[in-house]
Amino acid sequence: MTDLPDHPSSVTIFDFFAYLTMDDDAAAARERFCEVVAKQITNVASWLGIDAWLGAGDVRDTAIGHQAEPDPVRHRSFVAVGLVAQITSELVSGAQLLFRNGNEYGASALVRQLIECEYLLRAFCLNFADAARWHDANDSERWDFKPSKLREVGGFDRKEYANHCEAGGHPHPKGRQLLELPRTVRALQQAAAGDARDLDTTRVLWLDFAFHCDRTWRALAELLSAEHARFDRVRAEAIAAVAESHDAWQEADTLARHAGRVLGAFDYDPTRPLSDLLDLDD
């Protein structure tokens, strides 16, 4: 990691943020966490797809031969959650591959879709029957589940979604910062100017991706824990694997642990002195 200036008063919030992104151990922990989430969401999605098809979401013991007919609405709701879980699995795995291949714009487009999966899962947490309604909706009814409505229901941040749409969701000039050619040109210009003060955009995107992996996994796990009769027991290893990896990531990643405060200050004015954030002058 590049050292910060000796005197705290000369350090800006930008300097501090850039410094934290250069932590190799933290960056590795972020990527490992995303790997684990990708693997375990695929695990849950594959299991739930079959389990929901069999109508076993409310069955506490599958060893018992005769089972009552499943409630038709809950049956369809479990099928719907299984479908969203499979979509989520593809998005997380796909974004991971694209990030590793240097296609940051393409990966960011998938992360934007991942946010919409989280919206759906949180809405289903609030009303499980809405999952069946979403699954069976016609084109007109599906407007009830558009992102803007789901944001209101779940209390999500509109600005976060808008930023993802502009950077990697819809064609927009702001997306140029994630494209390979502009990144290369910018690096050459900085090298020619002798300017070493720059953010590692790739690591910042991995941090954002890790947060969305965490949020979407928790939305899925909390929904199934509340509604599925056997999830906590039969997917205990998946739950434990994600929790262990999450703890390791948080322990290694100072930026992740203090992200709310640091990112808020960075977004407000990255040129402010770090002392404004840390109250070093008090």
Foldseek 3Di string as FASTA:
>chain_A
DDDDDPDQQQAFLLNVVQVLLPQPLLLVLLLVLLVLLLVLLVVVLVVLQVCLVVLNQAPQDPVDDDDDHHDVLLSLLSNLLSVLSVLLSCLSVVLSVCLVVLQNLQSLQSLLVLVLSLLVLLVCLVPSSVSSCCVPDDPVSVVCSPPVNSCVVNVHDPVVSVVSCQCHHDPHPNVVCSDDVVVVVVVVVCVVVVNPSDHPVSSVSSLVSSVSSVSSVCSSLVSSVVRGNCCCPPSVVSVVSSVVSVVSSCVSRPCSVCVVLSVVSCVVPRRHRCCVSVVPVD
